[in-house]
């Protein structure tokens, strides 16, 4: 259950996954990747945003994460 003011976590495990996360322009998104040839397309202002965030963690090979604003 998500509580107000808390992060929302998304975990990808396995190979050949693709996630497209579309969020409002002022929504923070933090991404981490631990394995082989994972690609992350980030929004240009992603590091400047503060507050509760979507946390995306990719664990596996050949995963792609695309983050864009509405």
PDB file of N, CA and C in Angstrom:
ATOM      1  N   UNK A   1       0.840  -1.178   0.000  1.00  0.00           N
ATOM      2  CA  UNK A   1       0.000   0.000   0.000  1.00  0.00           C
ATOM      3  C   UNK A   1       0.885   1.241   0.000  1.00  0.00           C
ATOM      4  N   UNK A   2       0.549   2.207  -0.843  1.00  0.00           N
ATOM      5  CA  UNK A   2       1.316   3.445  -0.941  1.00  0.00           C
ATOM      6  C   UNK A   2       0.729   4.455   0.026  1.00  0.00           C
ATOM      7  N   UNK A   3       1.599   5.105   0.801  1.00  0.00           N
ATOM      8  CA  UNK A   3       1.139   6.147   1.705  1.00  0.00           C
ATOM      9  C   UNK A   3       1.554   7.502   1.159  1.00  0.00           C
ATOM     10  N   UNK A   4       0.813   8.526   1.510  1.00  0.00           N
ATOM     11  CA  UNK A   4       1.134   9.878   1.051  1.00  0.00           C
ATOM     12  C   UNK A   4       2.541  10.253   1.496  1.00  0.00           C
ATOM     13  N   UNK A   5       3.294  10.830   0.605  1.00  0.00           N
ATOM     14  CA  UNK A   5       4.653  11.248   0.924  1.00  0.00           C
ATOM     15  C   UNK A   5       5.680  10.147   0.854  1.00  0.00           C
ATOM     16  N   UNK A   6       5.305   8.964   0.387  1.00  0.00           N
ATOM     17  CA  UNK A   6       6.248   7.844   0.295  1.00  0.00           C
ATOM     18  C   UNK A   6       6.600   7.577  -1.162  1.00  0.00           C
ATOM     19  N   UNK A   7       7.766   6.951  -1.353  1.00  0.00           N
ATOM     20  CA  UNK A   7       8.180   6.559  -2.698  1.00  0.00           C
ATOM     21  C   UNK A   7       7.304   5.430  -3.226  1.00  0.00           C
ATOM     22  N   UNK A   8       7.171   5.358  -4.540  1.00  0.00           N
ATOM     23  CA  UNK A   8       6.550   4.232  -5.221  1.00  0.00           C
ATOM     24  C   UNK A   8       7.676   3.457  -5.877  1.00  0.00           C
ATOM     25  N   UNK A   9       7.813   2.183  -5.574  1.00  0.00           N
ATOM     26  CA  UNK A   9       8.928   1.383  -6.085  1.00  0.00           C
ATOM     27  C   UNK A   9       8.467   0.464  -7.210  1.00  0.00           C
ATOM     28  N   UNK A  10       9.275   0.408  -8.270  1.00  0.00           N
ATOM     29  CA  UNK A  10       9.036  -0.484  -9.401  1.00  0.00           C
ATOM     30  C   UNK A  10      10.317  -1.274  -9.605  1.00  0.00           C
ATOM     31  N   UNK A  11      10.254  -2.600  -9.523  1.00  0.00           N
ATOM     32  CA  UNK A  11      11.423  -3.449  -9.722  1.00  0.00           C
ATOM     33  C   UNK A  11      11.242  -4.290 -10.975  1.00  0.00           C
ATOM     34  N   UNK A  12      12.265  -4.309 -11.828  1.00  0.00           N
ATOM     35  CA  UNK A  12      12.281  -5.164 -13.014  1.00  0.00           C
ATOM     36  C   UNK A  12      13.310  -6.262 -12.779  1.00  0.00           C
ATOM     37  N   UNK A  13      12.922  -7.509 -12.980  1.00  0.00           N
ATOM     38  CA  UNK A  13      13.846  -8.626 -12.876  1.00  0.00           C
ATOM     39  C   UNK A  13      13.722  -9.473 -14.118  1.00  0.00           C
ATOM     40  N   UNK A  14      14.845  -9.936 -14.637  1.00  0.00           N
ATOM     41  CA  UNK A  14      14.827 -10.792 -15.816  1.00  0.00           C
ATOM     42  C   UNK A  14      15.524 -10.125 -16.977  1.00  0.00           C
ATOM     43  N   UNK A  15      15.218 -10.581 -18.170  1.00  0.00           N
ATOM     44  CA  UNK A  15      15.881 -10.082 -19.370  1.00  0.00           C
ATOM     45  C   UNK A  15      14.862  -9.582 -20.381  1.00  0.00           C
ATOM     46  N   UNK A  16      15.305  -8.624 -21.191  1.00  0.00           N
ATOM     47  CA  UNK A  16      14.504  -8.089 -22.294  1.00  0.00           C
ATOM     48  C   UNK A  16      13.190  -7.462 -21.826  1.00  0.00           C
ATOM     49  N   UNK A  17      13.241  -6.742 -20.705  1.00  0.00           N
ATOM     50  CA  UNK A  17      12.087  -5.996 -20.217  1.00  0.00           C
ATOM     51  C   UNK A  17      12.147  -4.572 -20.746  1.00  0.00           C
ATOM     52  N   UNK A  18      10.995  -3.956 -20.932  1.00  0.00           N
ATOM     53  CA  UNK A  18      10.939  -2.538 -21.256  1.00  0.00           C
ATOM     54  C   UNK A  18       9.849  -1.908 -20.419  1.00  0.00           C
ATOM     55  N   UNK A  19      10.168  -0.756 -19.814  1.00  0.00           N
ATOM     56  CA  UNK A  19       9.217  -0.003 -19.013  1.00  0.00           C
ATOM     57  C   UNK A  19       9.209   1.427 -19.516  1.00  0.00           C
ATOM     58  N   UNK A  20       8.031   1.964 -19.820  1.00  0.00           N
ATOM     59  CA  UNK A  20       7.900   3.373 -20.151  1.00  0.00           C
ATOM     60  C   UNK A  20       7.071   3.997 -19.043  1.00  0.00           C
ATOM     61  N   UNK A  21       7.690   4.904 -18.293  1.00  0.00           N
ATOM     62  CA  UNK A  21       7.050   5.557 -17.167  1.00  0.00           C
ATOM     63  C   UNK A  21       6.759   6.997 -17.556  1.00  0.00           C
ATOM     64  N   UNK A  22       5.465   7.357 -17.586  1.00  0.00           N
ATOM     65  CA  UNK A  22       5.042   8.708 -17.958  1.00  0.00           C
ATOM     66  C   UNK A  22       4.496   9.368 -16.700  1.00  0.00           C
ATOM     67  N   UNK A  23       5.123  10.477 -16.298  1.00  0.00           N
ATOM     68  CA  UNK A  23       4.758  11.156 -15.061  1.00  0.00           C
ATOM     69  C   UNK A  23       4.617  12.656 -15.303  1.00  0.00           C
ATOM     70  N   UNK A  24       3.912  13.375 -14.415  1.00  0.00           N
ATOM     71  CA  UNK A  24       3.871  14.833 -14.536  1.00  0.00           C
ATOM     72  C   UNK A  24       5.284  15.419 -14.463  1.00  0.00           C
ATOM     73  N   UNK A  25       5.462  16.589 -15.062  1.00  0.00           N
ATOM     74  CA  UNK A  25       6.789  17.202 -15.185  1.00  0.00           C
ATOM     75  C   UNK A  25       7.485  17.425 -13.847  1.00  0.00           C
ATOM     76  N   UNK A  26       6.736  17.644 -12.769  1.00  0.00           N
ATOM     77  CA  UNK A  26       7.359  17.929 -11.472  1.00  0.00           C
ATOM     78  C   UNK A  26       7.484  16.698 -10.579  1.00  0.00           C
ATOM     79  N   UNK A  27       7.306  15.496 -11.117  1.00  0.00           N
ATOM     80  CA  UNK A  27       7.405  14.257 -10.346  1.00  0.00           C
ATOM     81  C   UNK A  27       8.819  13.693 -10.405  1.00  0.00           C
ATOM     82  N   UNK A  28       9.473  13.508  -9.258  1.00  0.00           N
ATOM     83  CA  UNK A  28      10.821  12.943  -9.263  1.00  0.00           C
ATOM     84  C   UNK A  28      10.806  11.452  -9.616  1.00  0.00           C
ATOM     85  N   UNK A  29      11.817  11.017 -10.336  1.00  0.00           N
ATOM     86  CA  UNK A  29      12.006   9.603 -10.673  1.00  0.00           C
ATOM     87  C   UNK A  29      13.472   9.282 -10.458  1.00  0.00           C
ATOM     88  N   UNK A  30      13.750   8.248  -9.684  1.00  0.00           N
ATOM     89  CA  UNK A  30      15.124   7.807  -9.444  1.00  0.00           C
ATOM     90  C   UNK A  30      15.272   6.397 -10.000  1.00  0.00           C
ATOM     91  N   UNK A  31      16.360   6.151 -10.716  1.00  0.00           N
ATOM     92  CA  UNK A  31      16.551   4.863 -11.375  1.00  0.00           C
ATOM     93  C   UNK A  31      17.911   4.293 -10.991  1.00  0.00           C
ATOM     94  N   UNK A  32      17.949   2.996 -10.683  1.00  0.00           N
ATOM     95  CA  UNK A  32      19.222   2.300 -10.490  1.00  0.00           C
ATOM     96  C   UNK A  32      19.203   1.014 -11.297  1.00  0.00           C
ATOM     97  N   UNK A  33      20.383   0.600 -11.733  1.00  0.00           N
ATOM     98  CA  UNK A  33      20.505  -0.592 -12.565  1.00  0.00           C
ATOM     99  C   UNK A  33      21.754  -1.346 -12.151  1.00  0.00           C
ATOM    100  N   UNK A  34      21.642  -2.660 -11.970  1.00  0.00           N
ATOM    101  CA  UNK A  34      22.760  -3.443 -11.466  1.00  0.00           C
ATOM    102  C   UNK A  34      23.403  -4.378 -12.481  1.00  0.00           C
ATOM    103  N   UNK A  35      22.789  -4.608 -13.605  1.00  0.00           N
ATOM    104  CA  UNK A  35      23.282  -5.679 -14.442  1.00  0.00           C
ATOM    105  C   UNK A  35      23.676  -5.245 -15.844  1.00  0.00           C
ATOM    106  N   UNK A  36      23.775  -6.180 -16.717  1.00  0.00           N
ATOM    107  CA  UNK A  36      24.404  -6.088 -18.018  1.00  0.00           C
ATOM    108  C   UNK A  36      23.528  -5.383 -19.052  1.00  0.00           C
ATOM    109  N   UNK A  37      24.064  -4.365 -19.684  1.00  0.00           N
ATOM    110  CA  UNK A  37      23.439  -3.650 -20.799  1.00  0.00           C
ATOM    111  C   UNK A  37      21.992  -3.236 -20.502  1.00  0.00           C
ATOM    112  N   UNK A  38      21.821  -2.513 -19.412  1.00  0.00           N
ATOM    113  CA  UNK A  38      20.528  -1.906 -19.111  1.00  0.00           C
ATOM    114  C   UNK A  38      20.595  -0.458 -19.584  1.00  0.00           C
ATOM    115  N   UNK A  39      19.557   0.018 -20.250  1.00  0.00           N
ATOM    116  CA  UNK A  39      19.523   1.365 -20.819  1.00  0.00           C
ATOM    117  C   UNK A  39      18.454   2.175 -20.102  1.00  0.00           C
ATOM    118  N   UNK A  40      18.813   3.394 -19.693  1.00  0.00           N
ATOM    119  CA  UNK A  40      17.859   4.287 -19.042  1.00  0.00           C
ATOM    120  C   UNK A  40      17.845   5.602 -19.802  1.00  0.00           C
ATOM    121  N   UNK A  41      16.671   5.987 -20.323  1.00  0.00           N
ATOM    122  CA  UNK A  41      16.476   7.295 -20.949  1.00  0.00           C
ATOM    123  C   UNK A  41      15.791   8.174 -19.913  1.00  0.00           C
ATOM    124  N   UNK A  42      16.526   9.188 -19.447  1.00  0.00           N
ATOM    125  CA  UNK A  42      16.003  10.036 -18.376  1.00  0.00           C
ATOM    126  C   UNK A  42      15.556  11.383 -18.905  1.00  0.00           C
ATOM    127  N   UNK A  43      14.672  12.022 -18.160  1.00  0.00           N
ATOM    128  CA  UNK A  43      14.300  13.400 -18.449  1.00  0.00           C
ATOM    129  C   UNK A  43      15.481  14.298 -18.079  1.00  0.00           C
ATOM    130  N   UNK A  44      15.679  15.413 -18.785  1.00  0.00           N
ATOM    131  CA  UNK A  44      16.821  16.276 -18.500  1.00  0.00           C
ATOM    132  C   UNK A  44      16.812  16.902 -17.111  1.00  0.00           C
ATOM    133  N   UNK A  45      15.636  17.165 -16.524  1.00  0.00           N
ATOM    134  CA  UNK A  45      15.574  17.813 -15.213  1.00  0.00           C
ATOM    135  C   UNK A  45      15.413  16.817 -14.071  1.00  0.00           C
ATOM    136  N   UNK A  46      15.554  15.547 -14.323  1.00  0.00           N
ATOM    137  CA  UNK A  46      15.279  14.517 -13.329  1.00  0.00           C
ATOM    138  C   UNK A  46      16.069  14.631 -12.043  1.00  0.00           C
ATOM    139  N   UNK A  47      17.316  15.085 -12.121  1.00  0.00           N
ATOM    140  CA  UNK A  47      18.138  15.175 -10.911  1.00  0.00           C
ATOM    141  C   UNK A  47      17.811  16.396 -10.064  1.00  0.00           C
ATOM    142  N   UNK A  48      17.144  17.403 -10.622  1.00  0.00           N
ATOM    143  CA  UNK A  48      16.839  18.633  -9.898  1.00  0.00           C
ATOM    144  C   UNK A  48      15.562  18.522  -9.067  1.00  0.00           C
ATOM    145  N   UNK A  49      14.760  17.488  -9.264  1.00  0.00           N
ATOM    146  CA  UNK A  49      13.477  17.361  -8.584  1.00  0.00           C
ATOM    147  C   UNK A  49      13.656  16.804  -7.177  1.00  0.00           C
ATOM    148  N   UNK A  50      12.807  17.243  -6.258  1.00  0.00           N
ATOM    149  CA  UNK A  50      12.875  16.816  -4.856  1.00  0.00           C
ATOM    150  C   UNK A  50      11.553  16.205  -4.428  1.00  0.00           C
ATOM    151  N   UNK A  51      11.591  15.438  -3.325  1.00  0.00           N
ATOM    152  CA  UNK A  51      10.368  14.908  -2.743  1.00  0.00           C
ATOM    153  C   UNK A  51      10.184  13.427  -3.015  1.00  0.00           C
ATOM    154  N   UNK A  52       9.030  12.870  -2.631  1.00  0.00           N
ATOM    155  CA  UNK A  52       8.747  11.461  -2.863  1.00  0.00           C
ATOM    156  C   UNK A  52       8.854  11.151  -4.353  1.00  0.00           C
ATOM    157  N   UNK A  53       9.359   9.984  -4.661  1.00  0.00           N
ATOM    158  CA  UNK A  53       9.672   9.685  -6.055  1.00  0.00           C
ATOM    159  C   UNK A  53       9.198   8.296  -6.441  1.00  0.00           C
ATOM    160  N   UNK A  54       9.155   8.082  -7.748  1.00  0.00           N
ATOM    161  CA  UNK A  54       9.096   6.727  -8.269  1.00  0.00           C
ATOM    162  C   UNK A  54      10.524   6.203  -8.240  1.00  0.00           C
ATOM    163  N   UNK A  55      10.756   5.040  -7.656  1.00  0.00           N
ATOM    164  CA  UNK A  55      12.074   4.430  -7.641  1.00  0.00           C
ATOM    165  C   UNK A  55      12.009   3.200  -8.537  1.00  0.00           C
ATOM    166  N   UNK A  56      12.797   3.200  -9.604  1.00  0.00           N
ATOM    167  CA  UNK A  56      12.815   2.100 -10.559  1.00  0.00           C
ATOM    168  C   UNK A  56      14.154   1.394 -10.418  1.00  0.00           C
ATOM    169  N   UNK A  57      14.125   0.091 -10.147  1.00  0.00           N
ATOM    170  CA  UNK A  57      15.350  -0.700 -10.038  1.00  0.00           C
ATOM    171  C   UNK A  57      15.294  -1.837 -11.053  1.00  0.00           C
ATOM    172  N   UNK A  58      16.327  -1.912 -11.877  1.00  0.00           N
ATOM    173  CA  UNK A  58      16.392  -2.943 -12.907  1.00  0.00           C
ATOM    174  C   UNK A  58      17.461  -3.964 -12.525  1.00  0.00           C
ATOM    175  N   UNK A  59      17.090  -5.219 -12.475  1.00  0.00           N
ATOM    176  CA  UNK A  59      18.000  -6.305 -12.129  1.00  0.00           C
ATOM    177  C   UNK A  59      17.850  -7.393 -13.178  1.00  0.00           C
ATOM    178  N   UNK A  60      18.804  -7.507 -14.064  1.00  0.00           N
ATOM    179  CA  UNK A  60      18.740  -8.475 -15.154  1.00  0.00           C
ATOM    180  C   UNK A  60      19.535  -7.948 -16.331  1.00  0.00           C
ATOM    181  N   UNK A  61      19.328  -8.496 -17.486  1.00  0.00           N
ATOM    182  CA  UNK A  61      20.098  -8.105 -18.669  1.00  0.00           C
ATOM    183  C   UNK A  61      19.187  -7.546 -19.751  1.00  0.00           C
ATOM    184  N   UNK A  62      19.715  -6.591 -20.514  1.00  0.00           N
ATOM    185  CA  UNK A  62      19.033  -6.041 -21.689  1.00  0.00           C
ATOM    186  C   UNK A  62      17.675  -5.420 -21.349  1.00  0.00           C
ATOM    187  N   UNK A  63      17.610  -4.711 -20.227  1.00  0.00           N
ATOM    188  CA  UNK A  63      16.385  -4.021 -19.843  1.00  0.00           C
ATOM    189  C   UNK A  63      16.454  -2.582 -20.316  1.00  0.00           C
ATOM    190  N   UNK A  64      15.299  -1.990 -20.622  1.00  0.00           N
ATOM    191  CA  UNK A  64      15.241  -0.597 -21.061  1.00  0.00           C
ATOM    192  C   UNK A  64      14.169   0.119 -20.260  1.00  0.00           C
ATOM    193  N   UNK A  65      14.542   1.280 -19.714  1.00  0.00           N
ATOM    194  CA  UNK A  65      13.613   2.113 -18.968  1.00  0.00           C
ATOM    195  C   UNK A  65      13.565   3.486 -19.650  1.00  0.00           C
ATOM    196  N   UNK A  66      12.363   3.943 -19.990  1.00  0.00           N
ATOM    197  CA  UNK A  66      12.163   5.259 -20.592  1.00  0.00           C
ATOM    198  C   UNK A  66      11.306   6.070 -19.629  1.00  0.00           C
ATOM    199  N   UNK A  67      11.780   7.266 -19.283  1.00  0.00           N
ATOM    200  CA  UNK A  67      11.036   8.136 -18.393  1.00  0.00           C
ATOM    201  C   UNK A  67      10.756   9.426 -19.136  1.00  0.00           C
ATOM    202  N   UNK A  68       9.481   9.804 -19.215  1.00  0.00           N
ATOM    203  CA  UNK A  68       9.141  11.045 -19.898  1.00  0.00           C
ATOM    204  C   UNK A  68       8.009  11.735 -19.159  1.00  0.00           C
ATOM    205  N   UNK A  69       7.900  13.037 -19.398  1.00  0.00           N
ATOM    206  CA  UNK A  69       6.858  13.843 -18.761  1.00  0.00           C
ATOM    207  C   UNK A  69       5.645  13.937 -19.643  1.00  0.00           C
ATOM    208  N   UNK A  70       4.486  14.118 -19.013  1.00  0.00           N
ATOM    209  CA  UNK A  70       3.232  14.298 -19.754  1.00  0.00           C
ATOM    210  C   UNK A  70       3.203  15.661 -20.396  1.00  0.00           C
TER     211      UNK A  70
END
